[in-house]
């Protein structure tokens, strides 16, 4: 079993780790301490005291509130999107690319999707403006709820005590 340093995990999160090391990390069995090390790296990147439990995506985490123990989704800037079981996207700023002119900002003319068949929804944090996700649905499709983890089972799997309010 391979183990990694905090610097290597930090470089992985930052996107600066060399490809050979990334490939090795992905293909080798995971060491027991990797989850804790990853959470430590994520925690070091934020200024809030809430404990990060799981990353939802770059700049977005499920955290245990330091004040009341509630489990919420938070942007790295500290913006609170609410309960982790709810769709955080409904609290985000949503920019919809639904015209040819808006698609021209992303693609060369005639290479973009037909907006009567597909649009782009860009979700960003209302506090810091960081883009958190992009969807490419048909225009009429509802906002997707991508990820609702079973935190109780997850913490059993990583053999760590689960937060009280799960």
N, C-alpha and C. Protein backbone atom coordinates (compact mmCIF):
# COMPACT_ATOMS: atom_id res chain seq x y z
N UNK A 1 0.85 -1.18 0.00
CA UNK A 1 0.00 0.00 0.00
C UNK A 1 0.90 1.24 0.00
N UNK A 2 0.55 2.21 -0.80
CA UNK A 2 1.34 3.41 -0.95
C UNK A 2 0.81 4.51 -0.05
N UNK A 3 1.71 5.30 0.51
CA UNK A 3 1.30 6.47 1.30
C UNK A 3 1.85 7.71 0.62
N UNK A 4 1.18 8.83 0.90
CA UNK A 4 1.56 10.08 0.26
C UNK A 4 1.74 11.17 1.30
N UNK A 5 2.52 12.16 0.94
CA UNK A 5 2.76 13.29 1.85
C UNK A 5 1.65 14.32 1.70
N UNK A 6 1.57 15.20 2.68
CA UNK A 6 0.60 16.28 2.60
C UNK A 6 0.89 17.17 1.40
N UNK A 7 2.16 17.38 1.09
CA UNK A 7 2.52 18.20 -0.08
C UNK A 7 2.01 17.56 -1.37
N UNK A 8 2.13 16.25 -1.50
CA UNK A 8 1.64 15.57 -2.71
C UNK A 8 0.12 15.70 -2.83
N UNK A 9 -0.59 15.53 -1.73
CA UNK A 9 -2.05 15.66 -1.76
C UNK A 9 -2.42 17.11 -2.06
N UNK A 10 -1.70 18.06 -1.48
CA UNK A 10 -1.95 19.48 -1.75
C UNK A 10 -1.72 19.79 -3.23
N UNK A 11 -0.64 19.26 -3.80
CA UNK A 11 -0.37 19.46 -5.23
C UNK A 11 -1.44 18.81 -6.10
N UNK A 12 -1.96 17.65 -5.68
CA UNK A 12 -3.05 17.00 -6.40
C UNK A 12 -4.28 17.91 -6.43
N UNK A 13 -4.66 18.45 -5.28
CA UNK A 13 -5.83 19.33 -5.19
C UNK A 13 -5.61 20.60 -6.01
N UNK A 14 -4.39 21.12 -5.99
CA UNK A 14 -4.06 22.35 -6.74
C UNK A 14 -3.93 22.10 -8.23
N UNK A 15 -3.85 20.83 -8.65
CA UNK A 15 -3.72 20.52 -10.08
C UNK A 15 -2.29 20.63 -10.58
N UNK A 16 -1.31 20.60 -9.66
CA UNK A 16 0.08 20.77 -10.07
C UNK A 16 0.91 19.50 -9.89
N UNK A 17 0.30 18.41 -9.47
CA UNK A 17 1.02 17.16 -9.29
C UNK A 17 1.31 16.54 -10.65
N UNK A 18 2.52 16.00 -10.82
CA UNK A 18 2.90 15.41 -12.11
C UNK A 18 2.00 14.21 -12.44
N UNK A 19 1.83 13.98 -13.75
CA UNK A 19 0.90 12.96 -14.22
C UNK A 19 1.24 11.56 -13.70
N UNK A 20 2.51 11.20 -13.63
CA UNK A 20 2.88 9.86 -13.16
C UNK A 20 2.40 9.64 -11.73
N UNK A 21 2.56 10.64 -10.89
CA UNK A 21 2.10 10.52 -9.50
C UNK A 21 0.59 10.46 -9.41
N UNK A 22 -0.10 11.25 -10.24
CA UNK A 22 -1.56 11.22 -10.27
C UNK A 22 -2.03 9.83 -10.68
N UNK A 23 -1.45 9.30 -11.74
CA UNK A 23 -1.82 7.97 -12.22
C UNK A 23 -1.59 6.92 -11.14
N UNK A 24 -0.48 7.00 -10.46
CA UNK A 24 -0.16 6.05 -9.39
C UNK A 24 -1.18 6.16 -8.25
N UNK A 25 -1.54 7.40 -7.88
CA UNK A 25 -2.53 7.61 -6.81
C UNK A 25 -3.88 7.00 -7.18
N UNK A 26 -4.27 7.16 -8.44
CA UNK A 26 -5.57 6.66 -8.88
C UNK A 26 -5.60 5.15 -9.00
N UNK A 27 -4.50 4.55 -9.42
CA UNK A 27 -4.52 3.12 -9.71
C UNK A 27 -4.11 2.22 -8.55
N UNK A 28 -3.42 2.74 -7.57
CA UNK A 28 -2.97 1.92 -6.44
C UNK A 28 -4.05 1.85 -5.36
N UNK A 29 -4.05 0.79 -4.54
CA UNK A 29 -4.99 0.74 -3.42
C UNK A 29 -4.80 1.96 -2.50
N UNK A 30 -5.90 2.42 -1.96
CA UNK A 30 -5.87 3.63 -1.14
C UNK A 30 -5.38 3.30 0.27
N UNK A 31 -4.51 4.17 0.79
CA UNK A 31 -4.04 3.98 2.16
C UNK A 31 -5.08 4.49 3.15
N UNK A 32 -5.03 3.99 4.36
CA UNK A 32 -6.05 4.29 5.36
C UNK A 32 -6.12 5.77 5.72
N UNK A 33 -5.02 6.46 5.68
CA UNK A 33 -5.02 7.86 6.11
C UNK A 33 -5.28 8.88 5.03
N UNK A 34 -5.53 8.43 3.80
CA UNK A 34 -5.65 9.39 2.70
C UNK A 34 -6.85 10.33 2.85
N UNK A 35 -8.00 9.80 3.28
CA UNK A 35 -9.19 10.65 3.47
C UNK A 35 -8.89 11.77 4.46
N UNK A 36 -8.30 11.43 5.61
CA UNK A 36 -7.99 12.43 6.63
C UNK A 36 -7.01 13.47 6.10
N UNK A 37 -6.01 13.02 5.34
CA UNK A 37 -5.03 13.94 4.77
C UNK A 37 -5.68 14.87 3.75
N UNK A 38 -6.57 14.33 2.92
CA UNK A 38 -7.30 15.13 1.92
C UNK A 38 -8.16 16.18 2.62
N UNK A 39 -8.88 15.78 3.67
CA UNK A 39 -9.71 16.74 4.41
C UNK A 39 -8.86 17.82 5.06
N UNK A 40 -7.67 17.45 5.55
CA UNK A 40 -6.75 18.43 6.15
C UNK A 40 -6.31 19.46 5.11
N UNK A 41 -6.00 19.00 3.91
CA UNK A 41 -5.59 19.91 2.83
C UNK A 41 -6.74 20.84 2.47
N UNK A 42 -7.96 20.30 2.34
CA UNK A 42 -9.12 21.15 2.03
C UNK A 42 -9.37 22.15 3.15
N UNK A 43 -9.26 21.71 4.41
CA UNK A 43 -9.50 22.59 5.55
C UNK A 43 -8.50 23.75 5.57
N UNK A 44 -7.25 23.46 5.23
CA UNK A 44 -6.21 24.50 5.19
C UNK A 44 -6.51 25.58 4.16
N UNK A 45 -7.31 25.25 3.14
CA UNK A 45 -7.60 26.19 2.05
C UNK A 45 -8.75 27.14 2.35
N UNK A 46 -9.46 26.94 3.47
CA UNK A 46 -10.60 27.79 3.79
C UNK A 46 -10.34 28.57 5.08
N UNK A 47 -11.10 29.65 5.27
CA UNK A 47 -10.90 30.47 6.46
C UNK A 47 -11.93 30.19 7.54
N UNK A 48 -12.98 29.44 7.23
CA UNK A 48 -14.01 29.18 8.23
C UNK A 48 -13.61 28.01 9.15
N UNK A 49 -14.24 27.96 10.33
CA UNK A 49 -13.93 26.95 11.34
C UNK A 49 -14.77 25.68 11.20
N UNK A 50 -15.79 25.69 10.34
CA UNK A 50 -16.63 24.52 10.16
C UNK A 50 -15.78 23.37 9.63
N UNK A 51 -16.03 22.17 10.15
CA UNK A 51 -15.24 21.00 9.77
C UNK A 51 -15.71 20.45 8.43
N UNK A 52 -14.80 20.36 7.47
CA UNK A 52 -15.12 19.80 6.16
C UNK A 52 -15.24 18.28 6.30
N UNK A 53 -16.38 17.76 5.84
CA UNK A 53 -16.63 16.32 5.90
C UNK A 53 -16.39 15.65 4.56
N UNK A 54 -16.73 16.36 3.47
CA UNK A 54 -16.66 15.77 2.14
C UNK A 54 -16.68 16.88 1.11
N UNK A 55 -15.88 16.74 0.07
CA UNK A 55 -15.90 17.70 -1.03
C UNK A 55 -17.03 17.34 -1.98
N UNK A 56 -17.82 18.35 -2.36
CA UNK A 56 -18.88 18.17 -3.36
C UNK A 56 -18.28 18.41 -4.74
N UNK A 57 -17.33 19.31 -4.82
CA UNK A 57 -16.63 19.65 -6.04
C UNK A 57 -15.57 20.68 -5.70
N UNK A 58 -14.82 21.15 -6.68
CA UNK A 58 -13.85 22.20 -6.39
C UNK A 58 -14.55 23.41 -5.78
N UNK A 59 -14.07 23.90 -4.67
CA UNK A 59 -14.58 25.09 -3.99
C UNK A 59 -15.91 24.89 -3.28
N UNK A 60 -16.40 23.66 -3.16
CA UNK A 60 -17.70 23.40 -2.55
C UNK A 60 -17.60 22.15 -1.66
N UNK A 61 -18.02 22.30 -0.40
CA UNK A 61 -17.84 21.22 0.57
C UNK A 61 -19.08 21.00 1.41
N UNK A 62 -19.23 19.77 1.89
CA UNK A 62 -20.20 19.46 2.93
C UNK A 62 -19.45 19.61 4.24
N UNK A 63 -20.00 20.43 5.13
CA UNK A 63 -19.31 20.74 6.39
C UNK A 63 -20.22 20.52 7.59
N UNK A 64 -19.60 20.34 8.74
CA UNK A 64 -20.31 20.31 10.01
C UNK A 64 -20.14 21.69 10.63
N UNK A 65 -21.24 22.41 10.81
CA UNK A 65 -21.19 23.77 11.33
C UNK A 65 -20.55 23.79 12.72
N UNK A 66 -19.62 24.70 12.92
CA UNK A 66 -18.95 24.84 14.21
C UNK A 66 -19.88 25.41 15.27
N UNK A 67 -20.93 26.12 14.84
CA UNK A 67 -21.82 26.76 15.81
C UNK A 67 -22.93 25.84 16.31
N UNK A 68 -23.57 25.07 15.41
CA UNK A 68 -24.71 24.27 15.84
C UNK A 68 -24.65 22.80 15.42
N UNK A 69 -23.55 22.39 14.76
CA UNK A 69 -23.40 20.99 14.37
C UNK A 69 -24.23 20.55 13.18
N UNK A 70 -24.97 21.49 12.56
CA UNK A 70 -25.77 21.14 11.37
C UNK A 70 -24.83 20.79 10.22
N UNK A 71 -25.29 19.91 9.34
CA UNK A 71 -24.51 19.50 8.17
C UNK A 71 -25.02 20.29 6.97
N UNK A 72 -24.14 21.14 6.41
CA UNK A 72 -24.53 22.06 5.35
C UNK A 72 -23.52 22.01 4.20
N UNK A 73 -23.88 22.66 3.10
CA UNK A 73 -22.97 22.82 1.96
C UNK A 73 -22.44 24.25 2.01
N UNK A 74 -21.11 24.37 1.87
CA UNK A 74 -20.47 25.68 1.93
C UNK A 74 -19.46 25.85 0.81
N UNK A 75 -19.43 27.05 0.27
CA UNK A 75 -18.39 27.42 -0.69
C UNK A 75 -17.10 27.68 0.09
N UNK A 76 -15.97 27.60 -0.58
CA UNK A 76 -14.70 27.90 0.09
C UNK A 76 -14.67 29.31 0.68
N UNK A 77 -15.44 30.24 0.12
CA UNK A 77 -15.46 31.61 0.64
C UNK A 77 -16.26 31.71 1.94
N UNK A 78 -17.04 30.67 2.27
CA UNK A 78 -17.85 30.67 3.47
C UNK A 78 -19.33 30.82 3.23
N UNK A 79 -19.75 31.01 1.98
CA UNK A 79 -21.18 31.14 1.69
C UNK A 79 -21.89 29.84 2.03
N UNK A 80 -22.99 29.95 2.79
CA UNK A 80 -23.78 28.81 3.25
C UNK A 80 -24.92 28.54 2.27
N UNK A 81 -24.92 27.35 1.65
CA UNK A 81 -25.97 26.96 0.72
C UNK A 81 -27.08 26.16 1.39
N UNK A 82 -26.96 25.90 2.69
CA UNK A 82 -28.01 25.20 3.41
C UNK A 82 -27.78 23.72 3.56
N UNK A 83 -28.81 23.02 4.00
CA UNK A 83 -28.76 21.60 4.32
C UNK A 83 -28.20 20.78 3.16
N UNK A 84 -27.31 19.85 3.48
CA UNK A 84 -26.63 19.06 2.45
C UNK A 84 -27.57 18.13 1.69
N UNK A 85 -28.76 17.87 2.22
CA UNK A 85 -29.71 16.99 1.53
C UNK A 85 -30.54 17.74 0.50
N UNK A 86 -30.47 19.06 0.53
CA UNK A 86 -31.19 19.90 -0.43
C UNK A 86 -30.27 20.24 -1.60
N UNK A 87 -30.84 20.64 -2.71
CA UNK A 87 -30.06 20.97 -3.90
C UNK A 87 -29.44 22.36 -3.75
N UNK A 88 -28.14 22.41 -3.51
CA UNK A 88 -27.43 23.67 -3.30
C UNK A 88 -27.56 24.60 -4.50
N UNK A 89 -27.74 24.05 -5.71
CA UNK A 89 -27.80 24.86 -6.92
C UNK A 89 -28.95 25.87 -6.90
N UNK A 90 -30.01 25.55 -6.16
CA UNK A 90 -31.15 26.46 -6.09
C UNK A 90 -30.83 27.73 -5.32
N UNK A 91 -29.72 27.73 -4.58
CA UNK A 91 -29.28 28.93 -3.87
C UNK A 91 -28.13 29.65 -4.56
N UNK A 92 -27.75 29.15 -5.72
CA UNK A 92 -26.64 29.75 -6.47
C UNK A 92 -27.14 30.78 -7.47
N UNK A 93 -26.23 31.61 -7.95
CA UNK A 93 -26.55 32.45 -9.11
C UNK A 93 -26.50 31.54 -10.32
N UNK A 94 -27.51 31.65 -11.19
CA UNK A 94 -27.59 30.78 -12.37
C UNK A 94 -27.58 31.64 -13.62
N UNK A 95 -26.59 31.39 -14.49
CA UNK A 95 -26.53 32.07 -15.78
C UNK A 95 -26.82 31.01 -16.84
N UNK A 96 -27.83 31.26 -17.66
CA UNK A 96 -28.23 30.29 -18.67
C UNK A 96 -27.81 30.79 -20.05
N UNK A 97 -27.02 30.00 -20.72
CA UNK A 97 -26.64 30.28 -22.12
C UNK A 97 -27.69 29.62 -23.00
N UNK A 98 -28.65 30.44 -23.42
CA UNK A 98 -29.81 29.91 -24.14
C UNK A 98 -30.03 30.60 -25.48
N UNK A 99 -29.03 31.32 -25.95
CA UNK A 99 -29.12 31.95 -27.27
C UNK A 99 -27.81 31.70 -28.02
N UNK A 100 -27.86 31.84 -29.33
CA UNK A 100 -26.64 31.66 -30.14
C UNK A 100 -25.58 32.68 -29.73
N UNK A 101 -25.99 33.90 -29.41
CA UNK A 101 -25.04 34.94 -29.01
C UNK A 101 -24.31 34.56 -27.72
N UNK A 102 -25.05 34.00 -26.77
CA UNK A 102 -24.41 33.58 -25.51
C UNK A 102 -23.48 32.39 -25.73
N UNK A 103 -23.86 31.49 -26.63
CA UNK A 103 -23.00 30.34 -26.93
C UNK A 103 -21.75 30.77 -27.70
N UNK A 104 -21.85 31.86 -28.46
CA UNK A 104 -20.70 32.38 -29.20
C UNK A 104 -19.57 32.79 -28.25
N UNK A 105 -19.90 33.06 -27.00
CA UNK A 105 -18.88 33.42 -26.01
C UNK A 105 -18.06 32.21 -25.57
N UNK A 106 -18.57 31.01 -25.87
CA UNK A 106 -17.91 29.78 -25.46
C UNK A 106 -17.34 29.02 -26.67
N UNK A 107 -18.08 29.00 -27.77
CA UNK A 107 -17.72 28.24 -28.96
C UNK A 107 -17.58 29.15 -30.17
N UNK A 108 -16.76 28.72 -31.16
CA UNK A 108 -16.77 29.44 -32.43
C UNK A 108 -18.14 29.28 -33.09
N UNK A 109 -18.54 30.25 -33.88
CA UNK A 109 -19.82 30.24 -34.59
C UNK A 109 -19.97 28.91 -35.35
N UNK A 110 -21.14 28.36 -35.31
CA UNK A 110 -21.53 27.11 -35.97
C UNK A 110 -20.95 25.85 -35.33
N UNK A 111 -20.27 25.98 -34.18
CA UNK A 111 -19.75 24.80 -33.50
C UNK A 111 -20.43 24.58 -32.14
N UNK A 112 -21.38 25.42 -31.81
CA UNK A 112 -22.06 25.31 -30.52
C UNK A 112 -23.34 24.50 -30.66
N UNK A 113 -23.89 24.04 -29.54
CA UNK A 113 -25.15 23.31 -29.61
C UNK A 113 -26.30 24.22 -30.05
N UNK A 114 -27.31 23.62 -30.62
CA UNK A 114 -28.54 24.34 -30.96
C UNK A 114 -29.29 24.59 -29.65
N UNK A 115 -29.51 25.82 -29.31
CA UNK A 115 -30.10 26.15 -28.00
C UNK A 115 -31.58 25.80 -27.89
N UNK A 116 -32.20 25.37 -28.98
CA UNK A 116 -33.56 24.82 -28.84
C UNK A 116 -33.51 23.38 -28.33
N UNK A 117 -32.31 22.77 -28.39
CA UNK A 117 -32.11 21.40 -27.93
C UNK A 117 -31.27 21.30 -26.67
N UNK A 118 -30.36 22.25 -26.48
CA UNK A 118 -29.45 22.19 -25.33
C UNK A 118 -29.04 23.59 -24.90
N UNK A 119 -29.02 23.81 -23.59
CA UNK A 119 -28.55 25.06 -23.02
C UNK A 119 -27.43 24.75 -22.03
N UNK A 120 -26.69 25.77 -21.63
CA UNK A 120 -25.72 25.62 -20.55
C UNK A 120 -26.24 26.40 -19.36
N UNK A 121 -26.21 25.78 -18.19
CA UNK A 121 -26.52 26.48 -16.95
C UNK A 121 -25.24 26.55 -16.14
N UNK A 122 -24.83 27.77 -15.83
CA UNK A 122 -23.60 27.98 -15.08
C UNK A 122 -23.98 28.44 -13.68
N UNK A 123 -23.53 27.69 -12.66
CA UNK A 123 -23.88 27.98 -11.27
C UNK A 123 -22.68 28.60 -10.58
N UNK A 124 -22.90 29.76 -9.98
CA UNK A 124 -21.80 30.44 -9.28
C UNK A 124 -22.24 30.87 -7.89
N UNK A 125 -21.24 31.06 -7.04
CA UNK A 125 -21.49 31.46 -5.66
C UNK A 125 -21.97 32.91 -5.61
N UNK A 126 -23.07 33.18 -4.90
CA UNK A 126 -23.57 34.55 -4.80
C UNK A 126 -22.65 35.48 -4.03
N UNK A 127 -21.75 34.92 -3.21
CA UNK A 127 -20.87 35.77 -2.40
C UNK A 127 -19.55 36.10 -3.09
N UNK A 128 -18.90 35.09 -3.68
CA UNK A 128 -17.57 35.33 -4.26
C UNK A 128 -17.54 35.26 -5.78
N UNK A 129 -18.60 34.74 -6.40
CA UNK A 129 -18.66 34.66 -7.86
C UNK A 129 -17.95 33.47 -8.47
N UNK A 130 -17.39 32.59 -7.67
CA UNK A 130 -16.70 31.42 -8.19
C UNK A 130 -17.70 30.50 -8.90
N UNK A 131 -17.34 30.06 -10.12
CA UNK A 131 -18.21 29.11 -10.81
C UNK A 131 -18.05 27.75 -10.15
N UNK A 132 -19.17 27.16 -9.77
CA UNK A 132 -19.17 25.92 -9.01
C UNK A 132 -19.58 24.70 -9.83
N UNK A 133 -20.36 24.91 -10.88
CA UNK A 133 -20.80 23.78 -11.69
C UNK A 133 -21.38 24.30 -13.00
N UNK A 134 -21.45 23.42 -13.99
CA UNK A 134 -22.08 23.71 -15.27
C UNK A 134 -22.89 22.48 -15.66
N UNK A 135 -24.11 22.70 -16.15
CA UNK A 135 -24.95 21.63 -16.69
C UNK A 135 -25.22 21.92 -18.15
N UNK A 136 -25.48 20.87 -18.90
CA UNK A 136 -25.82 21.02 -20.32
C UNK A 136 -27.09 20.23 -20.62
N UNK A 137 -28.22 20.66 -20.06
CA UNK A 137 -29.48 19.93 -20.27
C UNK A 137 -30.26 20.47 -21.47
N UNK A 138 -31.38 19.81 -21.75
CA UNK A 138 -32.34 20.39 -22.69
C UNK A 138 -32.97 21.59 -21.98
N UNK A 139 -33.51 22.56 -22.73
CA UNK A 139 -33.99 23.80 -22.10
C UNK A 139 -35.07 23.60 -21.03
N UNK A 140 -35.90 22.61 -21.17
CA UNK A 140 -37.03 22.44 -20.25
C UNK A 140 -36.70 21.58 -19.04
N UNK A 141 -35.49 20.99 -18.99
CA UNK A 141 -35.16 20.04 -17.93
C UNK A 141 -34.95 20.75 -16.59
N UNK A 142 -35.44 20.16 -15.48
CA UNK A 142 -35.27 20.83 -14.18
C UNK A 142 -33.81 20.84 -13.72
N UNK A 143 -33.53 21.68 -12.75
CA UNK A 143 -32.18 21.77 -12.18
C UNK A 143 -31.82 20.41 -11.57
N UNK A 144 -30.66 19.91 -11.94
CA UNK A 144 -30.25 18.58 -11.50
C UNK A 144 -29.67 18.61 -10.08
N UNK A 145 -30.05 17.62 -9.28
CA UNK A 145 -29.45 17.43 -7.96
C UNK A 145 -28.45 16.30 -8.10
N UNK A 146 -27.19 16.67 -8.27
CA UNK A 146 -26.16 15.71 -8.67
C UNK A 146 -25.75 14.72 -7.59
N UNK A 147 -25.72 15.16 -6.34
CA UNK A 147 -25.01 14.38 -5.34
C UNK A 147 -25.67 14.51 -3.99
N UNK A 148 -26.16 13.40 -3.46
CA UNK A 148 -26.68 13.38 -2.09
C UNK A 148 -26.08 12.17 -1.40
N UNK A 149 -24.96 12.36 -0.71
CA UNK A 149 -24.25 11.22 -0.14
C UNK A 149 -24.96 10.65 1.08
N UNK A 150 -24.73 9.37 1.30
CA UNK A 150 -25.17 8.70 2.52
C UNK A 150 -24.00 8.83 3.50
N UNK A 151 -23.99 9.92 4.25
CA UNK A 151 -22.84 10.22 5.11
C UNK A 151 -22.65 9.19 6.22
N UNK A 152 -23.75 8.68 6.75
CA UNK A 152 -23.64 7.67 7.83
C UNK A 152 -22.86 6.46 7.32
N UNK A 153 -23.23 5.93 6.16
CA UNK A 153 -22.55 4.79 5.58
C UNK A 153 -21.12 5.14 5.19
N UNK A 154 -20.91 6.36 4.66
CA UNK A 154 -19.57 6.78 4.29
C UNK A 154 -18.63 6.75 5.49
N UNK A 155 -19.08 7.30 6.61
CA UNK A 155 -18.22 7.33 7.80
C UNK A 155 -17.98 5.93 8.37
N UNK A 156 -18.94 5.03 8.22
CA UNK A 156 -18.71 3.64 8.59
C UNK A 156 -17.63 3.04 7.70
N UNK A 157 -17.69 3.34 6.41
CA UNK A 157 -16.74 2.81 5.44
C UNK A 157 -15.32 3.29 5.71
N UNK A 158 -15.15 4.58 6.06
CA UNK A 158 -13.81 5.10 6.35
C UNK A 158 -13.41 4.85 7.80
N UNK A 159 -14.30 4.18 8.54
CA UNK A 159 -14.04 3.80 9.94
C UNK A 159 -13.71 4.98 10.83
N UNK A 160 -14.53 6.03 10.69
CA UNK A 160 -14.40 7.22 11.54
C UNK A 160 -15.76 7.52 12.16
N UNK A 161 -15.76 8.17 13.31
CA UNK A 161 -17.05 8.52 13.92
C UNK A 161 -17.80 9.55 13.07
N UNK A 162 -19.09 9.31 12.87
CA UNK A 162 -19.91 10.23 12.08
C UNK A 162 -20.32 11.42 12.94
N UNK A 163 -20.55 12.57 12.32
CA UNK A 163 -21.06 13.72 13.07
C UNK A 163 -22.41 13.38 13.72
N UNK A 164 -22.70 14.03 14.81
CA UNK A 164 -23.91 13.72 15.60
C UNK A 164 -25.20 13.94 14.83
N UNK A 165 -25.26 14.95 13.96
CA UNK A 165 -26.54 15.32 13.32
C UNK A 165 -26.74 14.68 11.95
N UNK A 166 -26.11 13.56 11.71
CA UNK A 166 -26.33 12.86 10.43
C UNK A 166 -27.51 11.93 10.61
